[in-house]
Amino acid sequence: MKKKVIFFDAGETLVYRNPSLLEISYRFLKREGYKISKNILSDILNNCAIKMKPLVESAKIADSKKWAIYIEMVFKKLKIKNKIVMNNLREHLKQGTSFRPFPGIKKLLFGLKRKGFKLGVISNASNSLYDILKRTGLSSFFDVIIVSEEVGCEKPDVRIFKKALNFLKIKPYEAVFIGDNFIADIIGAKKAGITPVWLQRKSKNNEFSYSGNAGKEVYKIRKVTDIIKLIKSEEWN
């Protein structure tokens, strides 16, 4: 069946943090007067992410709450009790000023638009994503941008996918969704009847993207630009 629309996740699919979460947190805490070894901070960030895994994979917690719990866990491990500093770091991260587009993304989106595809973003994110996509020069490529904070539901809830489908007036089988998170993106898209493409990028930046058993029926790619190969395959035409 010929595809008409390609939806993308945002974080770690279209954009990534540069500097990383580790570097941002290290610099922020240093400015606040906390002298912490970067190696120790790195270990704490990674260990807390691992402890968050069951909670995240249950898909029963909102993205905003997930980050609040994560940062609180990190500060507890650091033995920093100043909640003002903790909340300021969380707000700083929420603004997403360090996000950058992955190499080749703009060229890919431009090429997909020229091929006649409609493009969209479906993301578990705060409304600051609109500013992030605008600042990175990506927003103009998309026909629809659905942000969980605005619509009141998150992936893998099928409602957030249906909002995007309804906006573009297309059927689920006419759409593809590309994302890196197995539960939110792959399971969510499948439940909504959308063809999922699992981005298995080797990245150190994604704290909450965990593996899963997708099955042979799920397309897998190593980088977003690999989507071109799938488009050219007979299965998509």
Foldseek 3Di string as FASTA:
>chain_A
DAAAEEEEAPEPAFKYFVVFPLVLVCVLVVVVPDDDDSVVLVVLLQVLLVVCQVVVLVVPDAPLVSLLVSLVSSCVVVVNPPVVSSVVSSVVVQLVPRMETDPPNVVLLVVCVVVNHAYEYQYRGDPSVVVVCVVNVRPVSHPYYQYCNVVVDAFLPLVSVVVVCVVVVHQQDNYEYEDAACRRQLVSSVVNSHQYEHAPEPDPRDSHHDDDCNDPSHHYDHHNSCVVVVSPDPVND
